[in-house]
All heavy atoms as atom14 arrays in JSON, in Angstrom:
{
  "sequence": "IDVATLTGAARSALGTDLPALFSNNDLLAADLLRNGEAE",
  "atom14_mask": [
    [1, 1, 1, 1, 1, 1, 1, 1, 0, 0, 0, 0, 0, 0],
    [1, 1, 1, 1, 1, 1, 1, 1, 0, 0, 0, 0, 0, 0],
    [1, 1, 1, 1, 1, 1, 1, 0, 0, 0, 0, 0, 0, 0],
    [1, 1, 1, 1, 1, 0, 0, 0, 0, 0, 0, 0, 0, 0],
    [1, 1, 1, 1, 1, 1, 1, 0, 0, 0, 0, 0, 0, 0],
    [1, 1, 1, 1, 1, 1, 1, 1, 0, 0, 0, 0, 0, 0],
    [1, 1, 1, 1, 1, 1, 1, 0, 0, 0, 0, 0, 0, 0],
    [1, 1, 1, 1, 0, 0, 0, 0, 0, 0, 0, 0, 0, 0],
    [1, 1, 1, 1, 1, 0, 0, 0, 0, 0, 0, 0, 0, 0],
    [1, 1, 1, 1, 1, 0, 0, 0, 0, 0, 0, 0, 0, 0],
    [1, 1, 1, 1, 1, 1, 1, 1, 1, 1, 1, 0, 0, 0],
    [1, 1, 1, 1, 1, 1, 0, 0, 0, 0, 0, 0, 0, 0],
    [1, 1, 1, 1, 1, 0, 0, 0, 0, 0, 0, 0, 0, 0],
    [1, 1, 1, 1, 1, 1, 1, 1, 0, 0, 0, 0, 0, 0],
    [1, 1, 1, 1, 0, 0, 0, 0, 0, 0, 0, 0, 0, 0],
    [1, 1, 1, 1, 1, 1, 1, 0, 0, 0, 0, 0, 0, 0],
    [1, 1, 1, 1, 1, 1, 1, 1, 0, 0, 0, 0, 0, 0],
    [1, 1, 1, 1, 1, 1, 1, 1, 0, 0, 0, 0, 0, 0],
    [1, 1, 1, 1, 1, 1, 1, 0, 0, 0, 0, 0, 0, 0],
    [1, 1, 1, 1, 1, 0, 0, 0, 0, 0, 0, 0, 0, 0],
    [1, 1, 1, 1, 1, 1, 1, 1, 0, 0, 0, 0, 0, 0],
    [1, 1, 1, 1, 1, 1, 1, 1, 1, 1, 1, 0, 0, 0],
    [1, 1, 1, 1, 1, 1, 0, 0, 0, 0, 0, 0, 0, 0],
    [1, 1, 1, 1, 1, 1, 1, 1, 0, 0, 0, 0, 0, 0],
    [1, 1, 1, 1, 1, 1, 1, 1, 0, 0, 0, 0, 0, 0],
    [1, 1, 1, 1, 1, 1, 1, 1, 0, 0, 0, 0, 0, 0],
    [1, 1, 1, 1, 1, 1, 1, 1, 0, 0, 0, 0, 0, 0],
    [1, 1, 1, 1, 1, 1, 1, 1, 0, 0, 0, 0, 0, 0],
    [1, 1, 1, 1, 1, 0, 0, 0, 0, 0, 0, 0, 0, 0],
    [1, 1, 1, 1, 1, 0, 0, 0, 0, 0, 0, 0, 0, 0],
    [1, 1, 1, 1, 1, 1, 1, 1, 0, 0, 0, 0, 0, 0],
    [1, 1, 1, 1, 1, 1, 1, 1, 0, 0, 0, 0, 0, 0],
    [1, 1, 1, 1, 1, 1, 1, 1, 0, 0, 0, 0, 0, 0],
    [1, 1, 1, 1, 1, 1, 1, 1, 1, 1, 1, 0, 0, 0],
    [1, 1, 1, 1, 1, 1, 1, 1, 0, 0, 0, 0, 0, 0],
    [1, 1, 1, 1, 0, 0, 0, 0, 0, 0, 0, 0, 0, 0],
    [1, 1, 1, 1, 1, 1, 1, 1, 1, 0, 0, 0, 0, 0],
    [1, 1, 1, 1, 1, 0, 0, 0, 0, 0, 0, 0, 0, 0],
    [1, 1, 1, 1, 1, 1, 1, 1, 1, 0, 0, 0, 0, 0]
  ],
  "atom14_positions": [
    [[-17.29, -30.62, -71.91], [-18.06, -31.09, -70.76], [-19.13, -30.06, -70.44], [-18.83, -28.87, -70.33], [-17.16, -31.33, -69.53], [-16.15, -32.45, -69.79], [-18.0, -31.66, -68.29], [-15.08, -32.58, -68.74], [0.0, 0.0, 0.0], [0.0, 0.0, 0.0], [0.0, 0.0, 0.0], [0.0, 0.0, 0.0], [0.0, 0.0, 0.0], [0.0, 0.0, 0.0]],
    [[-20.36, -30.51, -70.28], [-21.39, -29.6, -69.78], [-21.96, -30.14, -68.47], [-22.01, -31.35, -68.25], [-22.49, -29.37, -70.82], [-23.5, -30.51, -70.93], [-24.35, -30.62, -70.03], [-23.42, -31.29, -71.89], [0.0, 0.0, 0.0], [0.0, 0.0, 0.0], [0.0, 0.0, 0.0], [0.0, 0.0, 0.0], [0.0, 0.0, 0.0], [0.0, 0.0, 0.0]],
    [[-22.35, -29.21, -67.62], [-22.89, -29.55, -66.3], [-24.2, -28.77, -66.14], [-24.23, -27.55, -66.41], [-21.92, -29.19, -65.17], [-22.47, -29.67, -63.83], [-20.54, -29.8, -65.44], [0.0, 0.0, 0.0], [0.0, 0.0, 0.0], [0.0, 0.0, 0.0], [0.0, 0.0, 0.0], [0.0, 0.0, 0.0], [0.0, 0.0, 0.0], [0.0, 0.0, 0.0]],
    [[-25.25, -29.44, -65.7], [-26.54, -28.78, -65.62], [-27.43, -29.44, -64.58], [-27.43, -30.66, -64.42], [-27.24, -28.83, -66.99], [0.0, 0.0, 0.0], [0.0, 0.0, 0.0], [0.0, 0.0, 0.0], [0.0, 0.0, 0.0], [0.0, 0.0, 0.0], [0.0, 0.0, 0.0], [0.0, 0.0, 0.0], [0.0, 0.0, 0.0], [0.0, 0.0, 0.0]],
    [[-28.21, -28.62, -63.89], [-29.32, -29.11, -63.07], [-30.5, -29.28, -64.03], [-31.39, -28.45, -64.07], [-29.66, -28.09, -61.97], [-29.85, -26.8, -62.58], [-28.54, -27.98, -60.95], [0.0, 0.0, 0.0], [0.0, 0.0, 0.0], [0.0, 0.0, 0.0], [0.0, 0.0, 0.0], [0.0, 0.0, 0.0], [0.0, 0.0, 0.0], [0.0, 0.0, 0.0]],
    [[-30.49, -30.37, -64.79], [-31.33, -30.41, -65.97], [-32.67, -31.08, -65.77], [-33.7, -30.56, -66.2], [-30.58, -31.08, -67.13], [-31.09, -30.71, -68.52], [-30.96, -29.22, -68.77], [-30.35, -31.49, -69.59], [0.0, 0.0, 0.0], [0.0, 0.0, 0.0], [0.0, 0.0, 0.0], [0.0, 0.0, 0.0], [0.0, 0.0, 0.0], [0.0, 0.0, 0.0]],
    [[-32.72, -32.25, -65.12], [-34.0, -32.99, -65.09], [-34.3, -33.57, -63.72], [-33.4, -34.08, -63.03], [-33.99, -34.16, -66.1], [-33.08, -35.17, -65.68], [-33.63, -33.68, -67.5], [0.0, 0.0, 0.0], [0.0, 0.0, 0.0], [0.0, 0.0, 0.0], [0.0, 0.0, 0.0], [0.0, 0.0, 0.0], [0.0, 0.0, 0.0], [0.0, 0.0, 0.0]],
    [[-35.57, -33.55, -63.36], [-36.01, -34.29, -62.19], [-35.94, -35.79, -62.42], [-35.83, -36.56, -61.47], [0.0, 0.0, 0.0], [0.0, 0.0, 0.0], [0.0, 0.0, 0.0], [0.0, 0.0, 0.0], [0.0, 0.0, 0.0], [0.0, 0.0, 0.0], [0.0, 0.0, 0.0], [0.0, 0.0, 0.0], [0.0, 0.0, 0.0], [0.0, 0.0, 0.0]],
    [[-35.98, -36.19, -63.69], [-35.93, -37.62, -64.0], [-34.61, -38.24, -63.54], [-34.58, -39.39, -63.07], [-36.11, -37.84, -65.5], [0.0, 0.0, 0.0], [0.0, 0.0, 0.0], [0.0, 0.0, 0.0], [0.0, 0.0, 0.0], [0.0, 0.0, 0.0], [0.0, 0.0, 0.0], [0.0, 0.0, 0.0], [0.0, 0.0, 0.0], [0.0, 0.0, 0.0]],
    [[-33.51, -37.49, -63.67], [-32.22, -38.02, -63.2], [-32.22, -38.19, -61.7], [-31.65, -39.15, -61.16], [-31.09, -37.08, -63.63], [0.0, 0.0, 0.0], [0.0, 0.0, 0.0], [0.0, 0.0, 0.0], [0.0, 0.0, 0.0], [0.0, 0.0, 0.0], [0.0, 0.0, 0.0], [0.0, 0.0, 0.0], [0.0, 0.0, 0.0], [0.0, 0.0, 0.0]],
    [[-32.88, -37.29, -60.99], [-32.95, -37.41, -59.53], [-33.87, -38.57, -59.13], [-33.59, -39.25, -58.15], [-33.47, -36.1, -58.92], [-32.72, -34.86, -59.36], [-31.35, -34.73, -58.73], [-30.39, -35.73, -59.15], [-29.73, -35.69, -60.33], [-29.96, -34.74, -61.18], [-28.84, -36.62, -60.62], [0.0, 0.0, 0.0], [0.0, 0.0, 0.0], [0.0, 0.0, 0.0]],
    [[-34.93, -38.78, -59.87], [-35.8, -39.92, -59.57], [-35.05, -41.23, -59.75], [-35.24, -42.18, -58.99], [-37.03, -39.89, -60.48], [-37.83, -38.76, -60.21], [0.0, 0.0, 0.0], [0.0, 0.0, 0.0], [0.0, 0.0, 0.0], [0.0, 0.0, 0.0], [0.0, 0.0, 0.0], [0.0, 0.0, 0.0], [0.0, 0.0, 0.0], [0.0, 0.0, 0.0]],
    [[-34.18, -41.28, -60.77], [-33.44, -42.51, -61.04], [-32.3, -42.72, -60.07], [-32.06, -43.85, -59.61], [-32.89, -42.47, -62.47], [0.0, 0.0, 0.0], [0.0, 0.0, 0.0], [0.0, 0.0, 0.0], [0.0, 0.0, 0.0], [0.0, 0.0, 0.0], [0.0, 0.0, 0.0], [0.0, 0.0, 0.0], [0.0, 0.0, 0.0], [0.0, 0.0, 0.0]],
    [[-31.58, -41.66, -59.72], [-30.3, -41.81, -59.0], [-30.25, -41.09, -57.66], [-29.25, -41.2, -56.95], [-29.15, -41.3, -59.89], [-28.99, -42.0, -61.24], [-27.89, -41.32, -62.06], [-28.68, -43.47, -61.04], [0.0, 0.0, 0.0], [0.0, 0.0, 0.0], [0.0, 0.0, 0.0], [0.0, 0.0, 0.0], [0.0, 0.0, 0.0], [0.0, 0.0, 0.0]],
    [[-31.27, -40.35, -57.3], [-31.23, -39.61, -56.06], [-30.43, -38.33, -56.2], [-29.98, -37.95, -57.3], [0.0, 0.0, 0.0], [0.0, 0.0, 0.0], [0.0, 0.0, 0.0], [0.0, 0.0, 0.0], [0.0, 0.0, 0.0], [0.0, 0.0, 0.0], [0.0, 0.0, 0.0], [0.0, 0.0, 0.0], [0.0, 0.0, 0.0], [0.0, 0.0, 0.0]],
    [[-30.23, -37.65, -55.09], [-29.64, -36.31, -55.13], [-28.11, -36.31, -55.1], [-27.5, -35.31, -55.49], [-30.16, -35.48, -53.95], [-29.82, -36.14, -52.72], [-31.67, -35.31, -54.03], [0.0, 0.0, 0.0], [0.0, 0.0, 0.0], [0.0, 0.0, 0.0], [0.0, 0.0, 0.0], [0.0, 0.0, 0.0], [0.0, 0.0, 0.0], [0.0, 0.0, 0.0]],
    [[-27.49, -37.38, -54.62], [-26.03, -37.38, -54.45], [-25.27, -37.89, -55.66], [-24.06, -37.66, -55.76], [-25.63, -38.27, -53.25], [-26.15, -37.72, -51.93], [-26.57, -36.55, -51.9], [-26.12, -38.47, -50.93], [0.0, 0.0, 0.0], [0.0, 0.0, 0.0], [0.0, 0.0, 0.0], [0.0, 0.0, 0.0], [0.0, 0.0, 0.0], [0.0, 0.0, 0.0]],
    [[-25.94, -38.6, -56.54], [-25.27, -39.32, -57.61], [-25.55, -38.65, -58.96], [-26.65, -38.78, -59.5], [-25.75, -40.77, -57.62], [-24.94, -41.81, -58.39], [-23.5, -41.86, -57.89], [-25.6, -43.18, -58.27], [0.0, 0.0, 0.0], [0.0, 0.0, 0.0], [0.0, 0.0, 0.0], [0.0, 0.0, 0.0], [0.0, 0.0, 0.0], [0.0, 0.0, 0.0]],
    [[-24.58, -37.93, -59.52], [-24.81, -37.29, -60.82], [-24.99, -38.32, -61.92], [-24.33, -39.37, -61.93], [-23.53, -36.48, -61.05], [-22.93, -36.29, -59.69], [-23.28, -37.53, -58.94], [0.0, 0.0, 0.0], [0.0, 0.0, 0.0], [0.0, 0.0, 0.0], [0.0, 0.0, 0.0], [0.0, 0.0, 0.0], [0.0, 0.0, 0.0], [0.0, 0.0, 0.0]],
    [[-25.89, -38.02, -62.84], [-26.06, -38.85, -64.03], [-25.04, -38.4, -65.07], [-24.89, -37.22, -65.34], [-27.47, -38.7, -64.57], [0.0, 0.0, 0.0], [0.0, 0.0, 0.0], [0.0, 0.0, 0.0], [0.0, 0.0, 0.0], [0.0, 0.0, 0.0], [0.0, 0.0, 0.0], [0.0, 0.0, 0.0], [0.0, 0.0, 0.0], [0.0, 0.0, 0.0]],
    [[-24.34, -39.37, -65.63], [-23.32, -39.11, -66.63], [-23.78, -39.67, -67.98], [-24.19, -40.82, -68.07], [-22.01, -39.77, -66.23], [-20.92, -39.91, -67.31], [-20.41, -38.54, -67.74], [-19.78, -40.79, -66.82], [0.0, 0.0, 0.0], [0.0, 0.0, 0.0], [0.0, 0.0, 0.0], [0.0, 0.0, 0.0], [0.0, 0.0, 0.0], [0.0, 0.0, 0.0]],
    [[-23.7, -38.83, -68.99], [-23.93, -39.26, -70.37], [-22.7, -38.89, -71.16], [-22.09, -37.83, -70.94], [-25.15, -38.54, -70.97], [-26.45, -38.85, -70.31], [-26.88, -38.12, -69.2], [-27.27, -39.85, -70.8], [-28.09, -38.39, -68.59], [-28.49, -40.13, -70.2], [-28.9, -39.4, -69.09], [0.0, 0.0, 0.0], [0.0, 0.0, 0.0], [0.0, 0.0, 0.0]],
    [[-22.31, -39.74, -72.1], [-21.16, -39.42, -72.94], [-21.25, -40.15, -74.27], [-21.75, -41.27, -74.34], [-19.85, -39.8, -72.23], [-18.73, -39.45, -73.02], [0.0, 0.0, 0.0], [0.0, 0.0, 0.0], [0.0, 0.0, 0.0], [0.0, 0.0, 0.0], [0.0, 0.0, 0.0], [0.0, 0.0, 0.0], [0.0, 0.0, 0.0], [0.0, 0.0, 0.0]],
    [[-20.73, -39.49, -75.29], [-20.65, -40.11, -76.62], [-19.33, -40.84, -76.82], [-19.04, -41.31, -77.92], [-20.83, -39.05, -77.7], [-19.72, -38.01, -77.69], [-18.85, -38.01, -76.81], [-19.74, -37.11, -78.66], [0.0, 0.0, 0.0], [0.0, 0.0, 0.0], [0.0, 0.0, 0.0], [0.0, 0.0, 0.0], [0.0, 0.0, 0.0], [0.0, 0.0, 0.0]],
    [[-18.51, -40.9, -75.75], [-17.16, -41.44, -75.86], [-16.93, -42.4, -74.7], [-16.87, -41.98, -73.53], [-16.15, -40.28, -75.84], [-14.73, -40.73, -76.07], [-14.14, -41.41, -75.23], [-14.15, -40.35, -77.2], [0.0, 0.0, 0.0], [0.0, 0.0, 0.0], [0.0, 0.0, 0.0], [0.0, 0.0, 0.0], [0.0, 0.0, 0.0], [0.0, 0.0, 0.0]],
    [[-16.8, -43.68, -75.0], [-16.66, -44.68, -73.94], [-15.4, -44.49, -73.12], [-15.4, -44.74, -71.89], [-16.67, -46.08, -74.55], [-18.04, -46.49, -75.08], [-19.04, -45.86, -74.68], [-18.1, -47.43, -75.9], [0.0, 0.0, 0.0], [0.0, 0.0, 0.0], [0.0, 0.0, 0.0], [0.0, 0.0, 0.0], [0.0, 0.0, 0.0], [0.0, 0.0, 0.0]],
    [[-14.3, -44.09, -73.74], [-13.06, -43.88, -72.99], [-13.19, -42.72, -72.0], [-12.75, -42.8, -70.86], [-11.89, -43.62, -73.95], [-11.47, -44.81, -74.81], [-10.35, -44.4, -75.77], [-11.01, -45.98, -73.95], [0.0, 0.0, 0.0], [0.0, 0.0, 0.0], [0.0, 0.0, 0.0], [0.0, 0.0, 0.0], [0.0, 0.0, 0.0], [0.0, 0.0, 0.0]],
    [[-13.82, -41.63, -72.45], [-14.05, -40.51, -71.56], [-14.96, -40.91, -70.41], [-14.7, -40.57, -69.24], [-14.65, -39.34, -72.34], [-15.11, -38.13, -71.52], [-13.97, -37.55, -70.7], [-15.73, -37.07, -72.45], [0.0, 0.0, 0.0], [0.0, 0.0, 0.0], [0.0, 0.0, 0.0], [0.0, 0.0, 0.0], [0.0, 0.0, 0.0], [0.0, 0.0, 0.0]],
    [[-16.02, -41.62, -70.72], [-16.94, -42.06, -69.66], [-16.22, -42.95, -68.65], [-16.4, -42.8, -67.43], [-18.12, -42.79, -70.28], [0.0, 0.0, 0.0], [0.0, 0.0, 0.0], [0.0, 0.0, 0.0], [0.0, 0.0, 0.0], [0.0, 0.0, 0.0], [0.0, 0.0, 0.0], [0.0, 0.0, 0.0], [0.0, 0.0, 0.0], [0.0, 0.0, 0.0]],
    [[-15.39, -43.86, -69.15], [-14.65, -44.76, -68.24], [-13.7, -43.96, -67.35], [-13.56, -44.26, -66.16], [-13.88, -45.79, -69.06], [0.0, 0.0, 0.0], [0.0, 0.0, 0.0], [0.0, 0.0, 0.0], [0.0, 0.0, 0.0], [0.0, 0.0, 0.0], [0.0, 0.0, 0.0], [0.0, 0.0, 0.0], [0.0, 0.0, 0.0], [0.0, 0.0, 0.0]],
    [[-13.04, -42.96, -67.92], [-12.14, -42.12, -67.11], [-12.91, -41.39, -66.01], [-12.45, -41.33, -64.85], [-11.45, -41.09, -68.01], [-10.38, -41.7, -68.9], [-10.0, -42.86, -68.67], [-9.92, -41.0, -69.84], [0.0, 0.0, 0.0], [0.0, 0.0, 0.0], [0.0, 0.0, 0.0], [0.0, 0.0, 0.0], [0.0, 0.0, 0.0], [0.0, 0.0, 0.0]],
    [[-14.05, -40.85, -66.35], [-14.83, -40.11, -65.35], [-15.34, -41.04, -64.26], [-15.3, -40.7, -63.07], [-15.99, -39.4, -66.04], [-15.63, -38.15, -66.83], [-16.77, -37.74, -67.75], [-15.26, -37.01, -65.89], [0.0, 0.0, 0.0], [0.0, 0.0, 0.0], [0.0, 0.0, 0.0], [0.0, 0.0, 0.0], [0.0, 0.0, 0.0], [0.0, 0.0, 0.0]],
    [[-15.8, -42.22, -64.64], [-16.29, -43.17, -63.64], [-15.16, -43.64, -62.73], [-15.33, -43.74, -61.5], [-16.95, -44.36, -64.33], [-18.25, -44.07, -65.09], [-18.67, -45.28, -65.9], [-19.35, -43.65, -64.14], [0.0, 0.0, 0.0], [0.0, 0.0, 0.0], [0.0, 0.0, 0.0], [0.0, 0.0, 0.0], [0.0, 0.0, 0.0], [0.0, 0.0, 0.0]],
    [[-13.99, -43.93, -63.31], [-12.85, -44.38, -62.52], [-12.39, -43.28, -61.55], [-12.14, -43.53, -60.36], [-11.7, -44.78, -63.44], [-10.49, -45.35, -62.68], [-9.33, -45.68, -63.6], [-8.78, -44.47, -64.22], [-8.96, -44.12, -65.47], [-9.7, -44.87, -66.29], [-8.42, -43.01, -65.95], [0.0, 0.0, 0.0], [0.0, 0.0, 0.0], [0.0, 0.0, 0.0]],
    [[-12.26, -42.06, -62.05], [-11.82, -40.96, -61.19], [-12.87, -40.6, -60.15], [-12.53, -40.18, -59.04], [-11.47, -39.75, -62.04], [-10.14, -39.92, -62.77], [-9.18, -40.38, -62.18], [-10.09, -39.56, -64.04], [0.0, 0.0, 0.0], [0.0, 0.0, 0.0], [0.0, 0.0, 0.0], [0.0, 0.0, 0.0], [0.0, 0.0, 0.0], [0.0, 0.0, 0.0]],
    [[-14.12, -40.79, -60.5], [-15.16, -40.56, -59.5], [-15.04, -41.51, -58.33], [-15.15, -41.1, -57.16], [0.0, 0.0, 0.0], [0.0, 0.0, 0.0], [0.0, 0.0, 0.0], [0.0, 0.0, 0.0], [0.0, 0.0, 0.0], [0.0, 0.0, 0.0], [0.0, 0.0, 0.0], [0.0, 0.0, 0.0], [0.0, 0.0, 0.0], [0.0, 0.0, 0.0]],
    [[-14.78, -42.77, -58.6], [-14.59, -43.73, -57.52], [-13.33, -43.42, -56.72], [-13.32, -43.46, -55.49], [-14.51, -45.15, -58.09], [-15.83, -45.69, -58.62], [-16.87, -45.81, -57.54], [-16.52, -46.12, -56.38], [-18.07, -45.62, -57.84], [0.0, 0.0, 0.0], [0.0, 0.0, 0.0], [0.0, 0.0, 0.0], [0.0, 0.0, 0.0], [0.0, 0.0, 0.0]],
    [[-12.24, -43.09, -57.42], [-10.97, -42.8, -56.74], [-11.06, -41.58, -55.86], [-10.42, -41.51, -54.8], [-9.87, -42.63, -57.78], [0.0, 0.0, 0.0], [0.0, 0.0, 0.0], [0.0, 0.0, 0.0], [0.0, 0.0, 0.0], [0.0, 0.0, 0.0], [0.0, 0.0, 0.0], [0.0, 0.0, 0.0], [0.0, 0.0, 0.0], [0.0, 0.0, 0.0]],
    [[-11.85, -40.59, -56.27], [-11.96, -39.34, -55.52], [-13.1, -39.33, -54.52], [-13.33, -38.33, -53.86], [-12.13, -38.16, -56.5], [-10.96, -37.93, -57.44], [-9.74, -37.39, -56.74], [-9.84, -37.03, -55.54], [-8.67, -37.31, -57.38], [0.0, 0.0, 0.0], [0.0, 0.0, 0.0], [0.0, 0.0, 0.0], [0.0, 0.0, 0.0], [0.0, 0.0, 0.0]]
  ]
}
């Protein structure tokens, strides 16, 4: 997992509160999205 204040483009798309998630693994992405909602 990497975490970075990487692009203004992500903030333009999603605003400041919502991190942009990219993943090469659908199961991992689904886990992160599900836990994000739960938490």
